[in-house]
Amino acid sequence: MHTHLKRDQRITLGALRRAGHNQSFIADQLGVHRSTISRELKRNRMKSGKYHAWNADVQAQERRKQSKVQYRKIDAVLGSVIEQRLSPLVSPETVAHEERFPALDRSQGKAAQQRSSTSLCF
């Protein structure tokens, strides 16, 4: 399991590292796997190669923020379509159905909607 270190753990890591302790000892003290310490030191060191806890925390937070950008791919046009379609009386499933099958004529009434919805699996 992948473990993220918290700020206080990073501070402890930095102090133990400056005291000359090895990665295995630090991992035991923090209660994490030694590969977590190795990864933390590798990813969050400064340009000088030294590890500083506050700098490491800022770098880790920035990476976390950037990793979620790929999931925010709703542009302004799609966002406005979603907002227009979602009202308190319309379920997201109905919006998804209408987006998949826009050619269905709404004037056919409820019976036509029931026939089409029973043949679909969501």
PDB file of N, CA and C in Angstrom:
ATOM      1  N   MET A   1       0.839  -1.171   0.000  1.00  0.00           N
ATOM      2  CA  MET A   1       0.000   0.000   0.000  1.00  0.00           C
ATOM      3  C   MET A   1       0.892   1.245   0.000  1.00  0.00           C
ATOM      4  N   HIS A   2       0.515   2.222  -0.801  1.00  0.00           N
ATOM      5  CA  HIS A   2       1.282   3.461  -0.923  1.00  0.00           C
ATOM      6  C   HIS A   2       0.930   4.389   0.236  1.00  0.00           C
ATOM      7  N   THR A   3       1.939   4.930   0.900  1.00  0.00           N
ATOM      8  CA  THR A   3       1.717   5.767   2.073  1.00  0.00           C
ATOM      9  C   THR A   3       2.223   7.182   1.816  1.00  0.00           C
ATOM     10  N   HIS A   4       1.380   8.167   2.111  1.00  0.00           N
ATOM     11  CA  HIS A   4       1.801   9.564   2.048  1.00  0.00           C
ATOM     12  C   HIS A   4       2.207  10.008   3.444  1.00  0.00           C
ATOM     13  N   LEU A   5       3.302  10.723   3.526  1.00  0.00           N
ATOM     14  CA  LEU A   5       3.749  11.225   4.820  1.00  0.00           C
ATOM     15  C   LEU A   5       3.038  12.533   5.143  1.00  0.00           C
ATOM     16  N   LYS A   6       2.784  12.732   6.414  1.00  0.00           N
ATOM     17  CA  LYS A   6       2.193  13.982   6.881  1.00  0.00           C
ATOM     18  C   LYS A   6       3.316  14.950   7.237  1.00  0.00           C
ATOM     19  N   ARG A   7       2.962  16.208   7.436  1.00  0.00           N
ATOM     20  CA  ARG A   7       3.964  17.240   7.710  1.00  0.00           C
ATOM     21  C   ARG A   7       4.806  16.899   8.934  1.00  0.00           C
ATOM     22  N   ASP A   8       4.168  16.451  10.007  1.00  0.00           N
ATOM     23  CA  ASP A   8       4.951  16.151  11.216  1.00  0.00           C
ATOM     24  C   ASP A   8       5.899  14.976  10.982  1.00  0.00           C
ATOM     25  N   GLN A   9       5.488  14.015  10.138  1.00  0.00           N
ATOM     26  CA  GLN A   9       6.384  12.911   9.810  1.00  0.00           C
ATOM     27  C   GLN A   9       7.581  13.409   8.997  1.00  0.00           C
ATOM     28  N   ARG A  10       7.329  14.364   8.106  1.00  0.00           N
ATOM     29  CA  ARG A  10       8.421  14.933   7.315  1.00  0.00           C
ATOM     30  C   ARG A  10       9.412  15.684   8.218  1.00  0.00           C
ATOM     31  N   ILE A  11       8.891  16.378   9.204  1.00  0.00           N
ATOM     32  CA  ILE A  11       9.763  17.098  10.140  1.00  0.00           C
ATOM     33  C   ILE A  11      10.632  16.112  10.910  1.00  0.00           C
ATOM     34  N   THR A  12      10.013  15.027  11.379  1.00  0.00           N
ATOM     35  CA  THR A  12      10.770  13.987  12.089  1.00  0.00           C
ATOM     36  C   THR A  12      11.802  13.357  11.170  1.00  0.00           C
ATOM     37  N   LEU A  13      11.413  13.072   9.942  1.00  0.00           N
ATOM     38  CA  LEU A  13      12.331  12.482   8.961  1.00  0.00           C
ATOM     39  C   LEU A  13      13.547  13.393   8.779  1.00  0.00           C
ATOM     40  N   GLY A  14      13.294  14.694   8.596  1.00  0.00           N
ATOM     41  CA  GLY A  14      14.403  15.625   8.413  1.00  0.00           C
ATOM     42  C   GLY A  14      15.332  15.666   9.610  1.00  0.00           C
ATOM     43  N   ALA A  15      14.764  15.660  10.814  1.00  0.00           N
ATOM     44  CA  ALA A  15      15.581  15.699  12.031  1.00  0.00           C
ATOM     45  C   ALA A  15      16.414  14.432  12.170  1.00  0.00           C
ATOM     46  N   LEU A  16      15.797  13.281  11.917  1.00  0.00           N
ATOM     47  CA  LEU A  16      16.529  12.014  12.030  1.00  0.00           C
ATOM     48  C   LEU A  16      17.606  11.913  10.950  1.00  0.00           C
ATOM     49  N   ARG A  17      17.307  12.435   9.778  1.00  0.00           N
ATOM     50  CA  ARG A  17      18.292  12.410   8.677  1.00  0.00           C
ATOM     51  C   ARG A  17      19.502  13.282   9.034  1.00  0.00           C
ATOM     52  N   ARG A  18      19.230  14.471   9.586  1.00  0.00           N
ATOM     53  CA  ARG A  18      20.330  15.364   9.992  1.00  0.00           C
ATOM     54  C   ARG A  18      21.149  14.755  11.129  1.00  0.00           C
ATOM     55  N   ALA A  19      20.490  13.930  11.952  1.00  0.00           N
ATOM     56  CA  ALA A  19      21.200  13.268  13.062  1.00  0.00           C
ATOM     57  C   ALA A  19      22.044  12.098  12.578  1.00  0.00           C
ATOM     58  N   GLY A  20      21.931  11.772  11.273  1.00  0.00           N
ATOM     59  CA  GLY A  20      22.783  10.736  10.695  1.00  0.00           C
ATOM     60  C   GLY A  20      22.191   9.345  10.665  1.00  0.00           C
ATOM     61  N   HIS A  21      20.904   9.205  10.948  1.00  0.00           N
ATOM     62  CA  HIS A  21      20.281   7.881  10.939  1.00  0.00           C
ATOM     63  C   HIS A  21      19.995   7.427   9.506  1.00  0.00           C
ATOM     64  N   ASN A  22      20.036   6.090   9.330  1.00  0.00           N
ATOM     65  CA  ASN A  22      19.784   5.553   7.989  1.00  0.00           C
ATOM     66  C   ASN A  22      18.276   5.428   7.726  1.00  0.00           C
ATOM     67  N   GLN A  23      17.940   5.124   6.483  1.00  0.00           N
ATOM     68  CA  GLN A  23      16.541   5.083   6.055  1.00  0.00           C
ATOM     69  C   GLN A  23      15.737   4.001   6.768  1.00  0.00           C
ATOM     70  N   SER A  24      16.341   2.864   7.033  1.00  0.00           N
ATOM     71  CA  SER A  24      15.630   1.785   7.728  1.00  0.00           C
ATOM     72  C   SER A  24      15.247   2.194   9.144  1.00  0.00           C
ATOM     73  N   PHE A  25      16.176   2.839   9.845  1.00  0.00           N
ATOM     74  CA  PHE A  25      15.900   3.307  11.205  1.00  0.00           C
ATOM     75  C   PHE A  25      14.775   4.349  11.194  1.00  0.00           C
ATOM     76  N   ILE A  26      14.865   5.300  10.249  1.00  0.00           N
ATOM     77  CA  ILE A  26      13.839   6.343  10.139  1.00  0.00           C
ATOM     78  C   ILE A  26      12.484   5.725   9.849  1.00  0.00           C
ATOM     79  N   ALA A  27      12.457   4.737   8.956  1.00  0.00           N
ATOM     80  CA  ALA A  27      11.195   4.065   8.611  1.00  0.00           C
ATOM     81  C   ALA A  27      10.596   3.385   9.836  1.00  0.00           C
ATOM     82  N   ASP A  28      11.416   2.737  10.626  1.00  0.00           N
ATOM     83  CA  ASP A  28      10.939   2.086  11.853  1.00  0.00           C
ATOM     84  C   ASP A  28      10.360   3.111  12.825  1.00  0.00           C
ATOM     85  N   GLN A  29      11.040   4.235  12.962  1.00  0.00           N
ATOM     86  CA  GLN A  29      10.584   5.275  13.884  1.00  0.00           C
ATOM     87  C   GLN A  29       9.247   5.888  13.448  1.00  0.00           C
ATOM     88  N   LEU A  30       9.059   6.022  12.130  1.00  0.00           N
ATOM     89  CA  LEU A  30       7.829   6.622  11.605  1.00  0.00           C
ATOM     90  C   LEU A  30       6.713   5.602  11.385  1.00  0.00           C
ATOM     91  N   GLY A  31       7.058   4.329  11.450  1.00  0.00           N
ATOM     92  CA  GLY A  31       6.059   3.275  11.250  1.00  0.00           C
ATOM     93  C   GLY A  31       5.636   3.104   9.806  1.00  0.00           C
ATOM     94  N   VAL A  32       6.581   3.334   8.884  1.00  0.00           N
ATOM     95  CA  VAL A  32       6.306   3.154   7.457  1.00  0.00           C
ATOM     96  C   VAL A  32       7.368   2.243   6.863  1.00  0.00           C
ATOM     97  N   HIS A  33       7.147   1.822   5.644  1.00  0.00           N
ATOM     98  CA  HIS A  33       8.114   0.968   4.961  1.00  0.00           C
ATOM     99  C   HIS A  33       9.325   1.804   4.556  1.00  0.00           C
ATOM    100  N   ARG A  34      10.482   1.175   4.497  1.00  0.00           N
ATOM    101  CA  ARG A  34      11.693   1.925   4.149  1.00  0.00           C
ATOM    102  C   ARG A  34      11.640   2.483   2.730  1.00  0.00           C
ATOM    103  N   SER A  35      10.856   1.854   1.834  1.00  0.00           N
ATOM    104  CA  SER A  35      10.736   2.395   0.472  1.00  0.00           C
ATOM    105  C   SER A  35       9.979   3.725   0.475  1.00  0.00           C
ATOM    106  N   THR A  36       9.103   3.930   1.452  1.00  0.00           N
ATOM    107  CA  THR A  36       8.400   5.208   1.582  1.00  0.00           C
ATOM    108  C   THR A  36       9.398   6.316   1.897  1.00  0.00           C
ATOM    109  N   ILE A  37      10.353   6.030   2.768  1.00  0.00           N
ATOM    110  CA  ILE A  37      11.386   7.003   3.121  1.00  0.00           C
ATOM    111  C   ILE A  37      12.277   7.282   1.916  1.00  0.00           C
ATOM    112  N   SER A  38      12.667   6.223   1.221  1.00  0.00           N
ATOM    113  CA  SER A  38      13.507   6.381   0.049  1.00  0.00           C
ATOM    114  C   SER A  38      12.809   7.247  -1.002  1.00  0.00           C
ATOM    115  N   ARG A  39      11.547   6.963  -1.247  1.00  0.00           N
ATOM    116  CA  ARG A  39      10.756   7.716  -2.232  1.00  0.00           C
ATOM    117  C   ARG A  39      10.615   9.177  -1.806  1.00  0.00           C
ATOM    118  N   GLU A  40      10.360   9.400  -0.517  1.00  0.00           N
ATOM    119  CA  GLU A  40      10.212  10.755   0.007  1.00  0.00           C
ATOM    120  C   GLU A  40      11.502  11.554  -0.177  1.00  0.00           C
ATOM    121  N   LEU A  41      12.631  10.959   0.157  1.00  0.00           N
ATOM    122  CA  LEU A  41      13.911  11.655   0.026  1.00  0.00           C
ATOM    123  C   LEU A  41      14.250  11.939  -1.436  1.00  0.00           C
ATOM    124  N   LYS A  42      13.907  11.020  -2.305  1.00  0.00           N
ATOM    125  CA  LYS A  42      14.206  11.181  -3.725  1.00  0.00           C
ATOM    126  C   LYS A  42      13.313  12.251  -4.365  1.00  0.00           C
ATOM    127  N   ARG A  43      12.033  12.205  -4.098  1.00  0.00           N
ATOM    128  CA  ARG A  43      11.086  13.108  -4.758  1.00  0.00           C
ATOM    129  C   ARG A  43      11.112  14.528  -4.219  1.00  0.00           C
ATOM    130  N   ASN A  44      11.366  14.679  -2.940  1.00  0.00           N
ATOM    131  CA  ASN A  44      11.161  15.978  -2.305  1.00  0.00           C
ATOM    132  C   ASN A  44      12.434  16.665  -1.833  1.00  0.00           C
ATOM    133  N   ARG A  45      13.560  16.302  -2.380  1.00  0.00           N
ATOM    134  CA  ARG A  45      14.782  16.994  -1.986  1.00  0.00           C
ATOM    135  C   ARG A  45      14.885  18.332  -2.732  1.00  0.00           C
ATOM    136  N   MET A  46      15.668  19.206  -2.171  1.00  0.00           N
ATOM    137  CA  MET A  46      15.879  20.511  -2.797  1.00  0.00           C
ATOM    138  C   MET A  46      16.896  20.362  -3.928  1.00  0.00           C
ATOM    139  N   LYS A  47      17.081  21.421  -4.698  1.00  0.00           N
ATOM    140  CA  LYS A  47      18.033  21.363  -5.819  1.00  0.00           C
ATOM    141  C   LYS A  47      19.449  21.081  -5.342  1.00  0.00           C
ATOM    142  N   SER A  48      19.746  21.484  -4.135  1.00  0.00           N
ATOM    143  CA  SER A  48      21.080  21.238  -3.570  1.00  0.00           C
ATOM    144  C   SER A  48      21.271  19.767  -3.185  1.00  0.00           C
ATOM    145  N   GLY A  49      20.174  19.001  -3.179  1.00  0.00           N
ATOM    146  CA  GLY A  49      20.252  17.595  -2.807  1.00  0.00           C
ATOM    147  C   GLY A  49      19.894  17.338  -1.359  1.00  0.00           C
ATOM    148  N   LYS A  50      19.754  18.413  -0.568  1.00  0.00           N
ATOM    149  CA  LYS A  50      19.414  18.265   0.840  1.00  0.00           C
ATOM    150  C   LYS A  50      17.902  18.144   1.006  1.00  0.00           C
ATOM    151  N   TYR A  51      17.506  17.514   2.102  1.00  0.00           N
ATOM    152  CA  TYR A  51      16.085  17.340   2.409  1.00  0.00           C
ATOM    153  C   TYR A  51      15.678  18.356   3.465  1.00  0.00           C
ATOM    154  N   HIS A  52      14.661  19.130   3.170  1.00  0.00           N
ATOM    155  CA  HIS A  52      14.123  20.091   4.122  1.00  0.00           C
ATOM    156  C   HIS A  52      12.621  19.834   4.219  1.00  0.00           C
ATOM    157  N   ALA A  53      12.124  19.586   5.417  1.00  0.00           N
ATOM    158  CA  ALA A  53      10.751  19.131   5.619  1.00  0.00           C
ATOM    159  C   ALA A  53       9.706  20.101   5.066  1.00  0.00           C
ATOM    160  N   TRP A  54       9.878  21.398   5.314  1.00  0.00           N
ATOM    161  CA  TRP A  54       8.866  22.364   4.858  1.00  0.00           C
ATOM    162  C   TRP A  54       8.833  22.433   3.336  1.00  0.00           C
ATOM    163  N   ASN A  55      10.001  22.436   2.725  1.00  0.00           N
ATOM    164  CA  ASN A  55      10.076  22.436   1.271  1.00  0.00           C
ATOM    165  C   ASN A  55       9.466  21.153   0.707  1.00  0.00           C
ATOM    166  N   ALA A  56       9.752  20.031   1.348  1.00  0.00           N
ATOM    167  CA  ALA A  56       9.220  18.743   0.903  1.00  0.00           C
ATOM    168  C   ALA A  56       7.697  18.729   0.973  1.00  0.00           C
ATOM    169  N   ASP A  57       7.146  19.314   2.018  1.00  0.00           N
ATOM    170  CA  ASP A  57       5.695  19.349   2.164  1.00  0.00           C
ATOM    171  C   ASP A  57       5.054  20.179   1.061  1.00  0.00           C
ATOM    172  N   VAL A  58       5.653  21.314   0.733  1.00  0.00           N
ATOM    173  CA  VAL A  58       5.138  22.157  -0.354  1.00  0.00           C
ATOM    174  C   VAL A  58       5.201  21.413  -1.680  1.00  0.00           C
ATOM    175  N   GLN A  59       6.309  20.758  -1.950  1.00  0.00           N
ATOM    176  CA  GLN A  59       6.446  19.989  -3.195  1.00  0.00           C
ATOM    177  C   GLN A  59       5.410  18.875  -3.281  1.00  0.00           C
ATOM    178  N   ALA A  60       5.197  18.164  -2.198  1.00  0.00           N
ATOM    179  CA  ALA A  60       4.232  17.057  -2.188  1.00  0.00           C
ATOM    180  C   ALA A  60       2.808  17.571  -2.414  1.00  0.00           C
ATOM    181  N   GLN A  61       2.463  18.678  -1.760  1.00  0.00           N
ATOM    182  CA  GLN A  61       1.123  19.250  -1.949  1.00  0.00           C
ATOM    183  C   GLN A  61       0.919  19.692  -3.393  1.00  0.00           C
ATOM    184  N   GLU A  62       1.930  20.291  -3.991  1.00  0.00           N
ATOM    185  CA  GLU A  62       1.829  20.738  -5.389  1.00  0.00           C
ATOM    186  C   GLU A  62       1.654  19.553  -6.330  1.00  0.00           C
ATOM    187  N   ARG A  63       2.400  18.477  -6.076  1.00  0.00           N
ATOM    188  CA  ARG A  63       2.242  17.278  -6.916  1.00  0.00           C
ATOM    189  C   ARG A  63       0.845  16.699  -6.786  1.00  0.00           C
ATOM    190  N   ARG A  64       0.314  16.659  -5.564  1.00  0.00           N
ATOM    191  CA  ARG A  64      -1.043  16.145  -5.352  1.00  0.00           C
ATOM    192  C   ARG A  64      -2.062  16.989  -6.098  1.00  0.00           C
ATOM    193  N   LYS A  65      -1.877  18.307  -6.059  1.00  0.00           N
ATOM    194  CA  LYS A  65      -2.794  19.203  -6.742  1.00  0.00           C
ATOM    195  C   LYS A  65      -2.748  18.974  -8.257  1.00  0.00           C
ATOM    196  N   GLN A  66      -1.536  18.842  -8.798  1.00  0.00           N
ATOM    197  CA  GLN A  66      -1.373  18.641 -10.234  1.00  0.00           C
ATOM    198  C   GLN A  66      -1.868  17.267 -10.682  1.00  0.00           C
ATOM    199  N   SER A  67      -1.794  16.270  -9.827  1.00  0.00           N
ATOM    200  CA  SER A  67      -2.228  14.928 -10.220  1.00  0.00           C
ATOM    201  C   SER A  67      -3.727  14.859 -10.445  1.00  0.00           C
ATOM    202  N   LYS A  68      -4.474  15.768  -9.845  1.00  0.00           N
ATOM    203  CA  LYS A  68      -5.922  15.749  -9.984  1.00  0.00           C
ATOM    204  C   LYS A  68      -6.417  16.588 -11.167  1.00  0.00           C
ATOM    205  N   VAL A  69      -5.518  17.324 -11.819  1.00  0.00           N
ATOM    206  CA  VAL A  69      -5.914  18.176 -12.934  1.00  0.00           C
ATOM    207  C   VAL A  69      -6.492  17.348 -14.076  1.00  0.00           C
ATOM    208  N   GLN A  70      -5.941  16.172 -14.323  1.00  0.00           N
ATOM    209  CA  GLN A  70      -6.415  15.354 -15.436  1.00  0.00           C
ATOM    210  C   GLN A  70      -7.871  14.930 -15.276  1.00  0.00           C
ATOM    211  N   TYR A  71      -8.383  14.941 -14.055  1.00  0.00           N
ATOM    212  CA  TYR A  71      -9.761  14.542 -13.839  1.00  0.00           C
ATOM    213  C   TYR A  71     -10.744  15.696 -14.003  1.00  0.00           C
ATOM    214  N   ARG A  72     -10.229  16.894 -14.207  1.00  0.00           N
ATOM    215  CA  ARG A  72     -11.078  18.073 -14.377  1.00  0.00           C
ATOM    216  C   ARG A  72     -11.125  18.463 -15.843  1.00  0.00           C
ATOM    217  N   LYS A  73     -11.648  17.598 -16.683  1.00  0.00           N
ATOM    218  CA  LYS A  73     -11.642  17.849 -18.111  1.00  0.00           C
ATOM    219  C   LYS A  73     -12.972  18.378 -18.636  1.00  0.00           C
ATOM    220  N   ILE A  74     -13.792  18.915 -17.769  1.00  0.00           N
ATOM    221  CA  ILE A  74     -15.053  19.486 -18.203  1.00  0.00           C
ATOM    222  C   ILE A  74     -14.782  20.930 -18.592  1.00  0.00           C
ATOM    223  N   ASP A  75     -14.898  21.216 -19.891  1.00  0.00           N
ATOM    224  CA  ASP A  75     -14.668  22.581 -20.343  1.00  0.00           C
ATOM    225  C   ASP A  75     -15.930  23.425 -20.159  1.00  0.00           C
ATOM    226  N   ALA A  76     -15.862  24.671 -20.540  1.00  0.00           N
ATOM    227  CA  ALA A  76     -16.979  25.597 -20.323  1.00  0.00           C
ATOM    228  C   ALA A  76     -18.240  25.173 -21.079  1.00  0.00           C
ATOM    229  N   VAL A  77     -18.076  24.690 -22.302  1.00  0.00           N
ATOM    230  CA  VAL A  77     -19.235  24.291 -23.107  1.00  0.00           C
ATOM    231  C   VAL A  77     -19.933  23.094 -22.484  1.00  0.00           C
ATOM    232  N   LEU A  78     -19.169  22.052 -22.166  1.00  0.00           N
ATOM    233  CA  LEU A  78     -19.753  20.868 -21.548  1.00  0.00           C
ATOM    234  C   LEU A  78     -20.348  21.215 -20.191  1.00  0.00           C
ATOM    235  N   GLY A  79     -19.675  22.072 -19.440  1.00  0.00           N
ATOM    236  CA  GLY A  79     -20.194  22.490 -18.138  1.00  0.00           C
ATOM    237  C   GLY A  79     -21.537  23.187 -18.262  1.00  0.00           C
ATOM    238  N   SER A  80     -21.688  24.045 -19.263  1.00  0.00           N
ATOM    239  CA  SER A  80     -22.975  24.738 -19.432  1.00  0.00           C
ATOM    240  C   SER A  80     -24.070  23.777 -19.864  1.00  0.00           C
ATOM    241  N   VAL A  81     -23.740  22.794 -20.696  1.00  0.00           N
ATOM    242  CA  VAL A  81     -24.732  21.788 -21.099  1.00  0.00           C
ATOM    243  C   VAL A  81     -25.193  21.000 -19.882  1.00  0.00           C
ATOM    244  N   ILE A  82     -24.248  20.610 -19.039  1.00  0.00           N
ATOM    245  CA  ILE A  82     -24.591  19.847 -17.837  1.00  0.00           C
ATOM    246  C   ILE A  82     -25.465  20.690 -16.917  1.00  0.00           C
ATOM    247  N   GLU A  83     -25.087  21.944 -16.720  1.00  0.00           N
ATOM    248  CA  GLU A  83     -25.881  22.815 -15.856  1.00  0.00           C
ATOM    249  C   GLU A  83     -27.286  23.020 -16.384  1.00  0.00           C
ATOM    250  N   GLN A  84     -27.430  23.165 -17.700  1.00  0.00           N
ATOM    251  CA  GLN A  84     -28.753  23.347 -18.294  1.00  0.00           C
ATOM    252  C   GLN A  84     -29.613  22.103 -18.124  1.00  0.00           C
ATOM    253  N   ARG A  85     -28.980  20.950 -18.270  1.00  0.00           N
ATOM    254  CA  ARG A  85     -29.732  19.695 -18.186  1.00  0.00           C
ATOM    255  C   ARG A  85     -30.067  19.288 -16.770  1.00  0.00           C
ATOM    256  N   LEU A  86     -29.194  19.619 -15.835  1.00  0.00           N
ATOM    257  CA  LEU A  86     -29.432  19.227 -14.453  1.00  0.00           C
ATOM    258  C   LEU A  86     -30.263  20.299 -13.752  1.00  0.00           C
ATOM    259  N   SER A  87     -31.465  19.942 -13.465  1.00  0.00           N
ATOM    260  CA  SER A  87     -32.309  20.810 -12.660  1.00  0.00           C
ATOM    261  C   SER A  87     -32.811  19.959 -11.504  1.00  0.00           C
ATOM    262  N   PRO A  88     -33.461  20.536 -10.525  1.00  0.00           N
ATOM    263  CA  PRO A  88     -33.905  19.733  -9.386  1.00  0.00           C
ATOM    264  C   PRO A  88     -34.836  18.579  -9.773  1.00  0.00           C
ATOM    265  N   LEU A  89     -35.480  18.660 -10.924  1.00  0.00           N
ATOM    266  CA  LEU A  89     -36.436  17.631 -11.308  1.00  0.00           C
ATOM    267  C   LEU A  89     -35.886  16.605 -12.290  1.00  0.00           C
ATOM    268  N   VAL A  90     -34.628  16.747 -12.689  1.00  0.00           N
ATOM    269  CA  VAL A  90     -34.047  15.843 -13.675  1.00  0.00           C
ATOM    270  C   VAL A  90     -32.895  15.081 -13.041  1.00  0.00           C
ATOM    271  N   SER A  91     -32.917  13.770 -13.149  1.00  0.00           N
ATOM    272  CA  SER A  91     -31.846  12.963 -12.569  1.00  0.00           C
ATOM    273  C   SER A  91     -30.651  12.905 -13.520  1.00  0.00           C
ATOM    274  N   PRO A  92     -29.449  12.650 -13.009  1.00  0.00           N
ATOM    275  CA  PRO A  92     -28.274  12.514 -13.870  1.00  0.00           C
ATOM    276  C   PRO A  92     -28.419  11.373 -14.875  1.00  0.00           C
ATOM    277  N   GLU A  93     -29.141  10.315 -14.498  1.00  0.00           N
ATOM    278  CA  GLU A  93     -29.353   9.201 -15.407  1.00  0.00           C
ATOM    279  C   GLU A  93     -30.155   9.640 -16.627  1.00  0.00           C
ATOM    280  N   THR A  94     -31.155  10.501 -16.396  1.00  0.00           N
ATOM    281  CA  THR A  94     -31.966  11.009 -17.499  1.00  0.00           C
ATOM    282  C   THR A  94     -31.114  11.864 -18.426  1.00  0.00           C
ATOM    283  N   VAL A  95     -30.255  12.690 -17.857  1.00  0.00           N
ATOM    284  CA  VAL A  95     -29.382  13.523 -18.671  1.00  0.00           C
ATOM    285  C   VAL A  95     -28.457  12.648 -19.504  1.00  0.00           C
ATOM    286  N   ALA A  96     -27.886  11.623 -18.896  1.00  0.00           N
ATOM    287  CA  ALA A  96     -26.993  10.724 -19.619  1.00  0.00           C
ATOM    288  C   ALA A  96     -27.730  10.032 -20.748  1.00  0.00           C
ATOM    289  N   HIS A  97     -28.953   9.607 -20.508  1.00  0.00           N
ATOM    290  CA  HIS A  97     -29.760   8.939 -21.531  1.00  0.00           C
ATOM    291  C   HIS A  97     -30.036   9.888 -22.691  1.00  0.00           C
ATOM    292  N   GLU A  98     -30.412  11.118 -22.390  1.00  0.00           N
ATOM    293  CA  GLU A  98     -30.727  12.079 -23.437  1.00  0.00           C
ATOM    294  C   GLU A  98     -29.490  12.452 -24.236  1.00  0.00           C
ATOM    295  N   GLU A  99     -28.319  12.476 -23.592  1.00  0.00           N
ATOM    296  CA  GLU A  99     -27.089  12.781 -24.310  1.00  0.00           C
ATOM    297  C   GLU A  99     -26.696  11.624 -25.230  1.00  0.00           C
ATOM    298  N   ARG A 100     -26.977  10.384 -24.820  1.00  0.00           N
ATOM    299  CA  ARG A 100     -26.657   9.227 -25.662  1.00  0.00           C
ATOM    300  C   ARG A 100     -27.629   9.084 -26.815  1.00  0.00           C
ATOM    301  N   PHE A 101     -28.879   9.421 -26.594  1.00  0.00           N
ATOM    302  CA  PHE A 101     -29.916   9.229 -27.599  1.00  0.00           C
ATOM    303  C   PHE A 101     -30.684  10.533 -27.837  1.00  0.00           C
ATOM    304  N   PRO A 102     -30.022  11.554 -28.417  1.00  0.00           N
ATOM    305  CA  PRO A 102     -30.689  12.842 -28.588  1.00  0.00           C
ATOM    306  C   PRO A 102     -31.788  12.813 -29.635  1.00  0.00           C
ATOM    307  N   ALA A 103     -31.823  11.794 -30.495  1.00  0.00           N
ATOM    308  CA  ALA A 103     -32.813  11.750 -31.569  1.00  0.00           C
ATOM    309  C   ALA A 103     -34.188  11.297 -31.088  1.00  0.00           C
ATOM    310  N   LEU A 104     -34.297  10.811 -29.852  1.00  0.00           N
ATOM    311  CA  LEU A 104     -35.606  10.390 -29.360  1.00  0.00           C
ATOM    312  C   LEU A 104     -36.542  11.586 -29.299  1.00  0.00           C
ATOM    313  N   ASP A 105     -37.719  11.436 -29.849  1.00  0.00           N
ATOM    314  CA  ASP A 105     -38.683  12.520 -29.894  1.00  0.00           C
ATOM    315  C   ASP A 105     -39.430  12.574 -28.570  1.00  0.00           C
ATOM    316  N   ARG A 106     -39.382  13.703 -27.909  1.00  0.00           N
ATOM    317  CA  ARG A 106     -40.054  13.841 -26.620  1.00  0.00           C
ATOM    318  C   ARG A 106     -41.569  13.893 -26.770  1.00  0.00           C
ATOM    319  N   SER A 107     -42.046  14.204 -27.963  1.00  0.00           N
ATOM    320  CA  SER A 107     -43.494  14.336 -28.156  1.00  0.00           C
ATOM    321  C   SER A 107     -44.195  12.984 -28.208  1.00  0.00           C
ATOM    322  N   GLN A 108     -43.466  11.889 -28.237  1.00  0.00           N
ATOM    323  CA  GLN A 108     -44.084  10.564 -28.298  1.00  0.00           C
ATOM    324  C   GLN A 108     -44.714  10.167 -26.974  1.00  0.00           C
ATOM    325  N   GLY A 109     -44.431  10.881 -25.937  1.00  0.00           N
ATOM    326  CA  GLY A 109     -45.085  10.615 -24.669  1.00  0.00           C
ATOM    327  C   GLY A 109     -44.334   9.655 -23.778  1.00  0.00           C
ATOM    328  N   LYS A 110     -44.964   9.369 -22.636  1.00  0.00           N
ATOM    329  CA  LYS A 110     -44.341   8.559 -21.607  1.00  0.00           C
ATOM    330  C   LYS A 110     -44.169   7.106 -22.029  1.00  0.00           C
ATOM    331  N   ALA A 111     -45.076   6.568 -22.825  1.00  0.00           N
ATOM    332  CA  ALA A 111     -44.977   5.173 -23.246  1.00  0.00           C
ATOM    333  C   ALA A 111     -43.724   4.930 -24.061  1.00  0.00           C
ATOM    334  N   ALA A 112     -43.365   5.870 -24.944  1.00  0.00           N
ATOM    335  CA  ALA A 112     -42.162   5.716 -25.750  1.00  0.00           C
ATOM    336  C   ALA A 112     -40.917   5.769 -24.864  1.00  0.00           C
ATOM    337  N   GLN A 113     -40.937   6.644 -23.852  1.00  0.00           N
ATOM    338  CA  GLN A 113     -39.800   6.736 -22.945  1.00  0.00           C
ATOM    339  C   GLN A 113     -39.650   5.461 -22.133  1.00  0.00           C
ATOM    340  N   GLN A 114     -40.768   4.883 -21.719  1.00  0.00           N
ATOM    341  CA  GLN A 114     -40.695   3.656 -20.925  1.00  0.00           C
ATOM    342  C   GLN A 114     -40.155   2.515 -21.769  1.00  0.00           C
ATOM    343  N   ARG A 115     -40.588   2.414 -23.058  1.00  0.00           N
ATOM    344  CA  ARG A 115     -40.092   1.354 -23.925  1.00  0.00           C
ATOM    345  C   ARG A 115     -38.585   1.484 -24.123  1.00  0.00           C
ATOM    346  N   SER A 116     -38.099   2.712 -24.356  1.00  0.00           N
ATOM    347  CA  SER A 116     -36.676   2.876 -24.611  1.00  0.00           C
ATOM    348  C   SER A 116     -35.852   2.660 -23.340  1.00  0.00           C
ATOM    349  N   SER A 117     -36.367   3.069 -22.185  1.00  0.00           N
ATOM    350  CA  SER A 117     -35.584   2.920 -20.961  1.00  0.00           C
ATOM    351  C   SER A 117     -35.556   1.475 -20.477  1.00  0.00           C
ATOM    352  N   THR A 118     -36.551   0.681 -20.793  1.00  0.00           N
ATOM    353  CA  THR A 118     -36.516  -0.716 -20.353  1.00  0.00           C
ATOM    354  C   THR A 118     -35.535  -1.525 -21.166  1.00  0.00           C
ATOM    355  N   SER A 119     -35.194  -1.059 -22.370  1.00  0.00           N
ATOM    356  CA  SER A 119     -34.256  -1.821 -23.186  1.00  0.00           C
ATOM    357  C   SER A 119     -32.805  -1.418 -22.929  1.00  0.00           C
ATOM    358  N   LEU A 120     -32.561  -0.414 -22.095  1.00  0.00           N
ATOM    359  CA  LEU A 120     -31.209   0.041 -21.818  1.00  0.00           C
ATOM    360  C   LEU A 120     -30.750  -0.423 -20.441  1.00  0.00           C
ATOM    361  N   CYS A 121     -29.463  -0.645 -20.356  1.00  0.00           N
ATOM    362  CA  CYS A 121     -28.870  -1.000 -19.055  1.00  0.00           C
ATOM    363  C   CYS A 121     -27.888   0.084 -18.679  1.00  0.00           C
ATOM    364  N   PHE A 122     -28.031   0.654 -17.490  1.00  0.00           N
ATOM    365  CA  PHE A 122     -27.100   1.670 -17.031  1.00  0.00           C
ATOM    366  C   PHE A 122     -26.139   1.064 -16.070  1.00  0.00           C
TER     367      PHE A 122
END
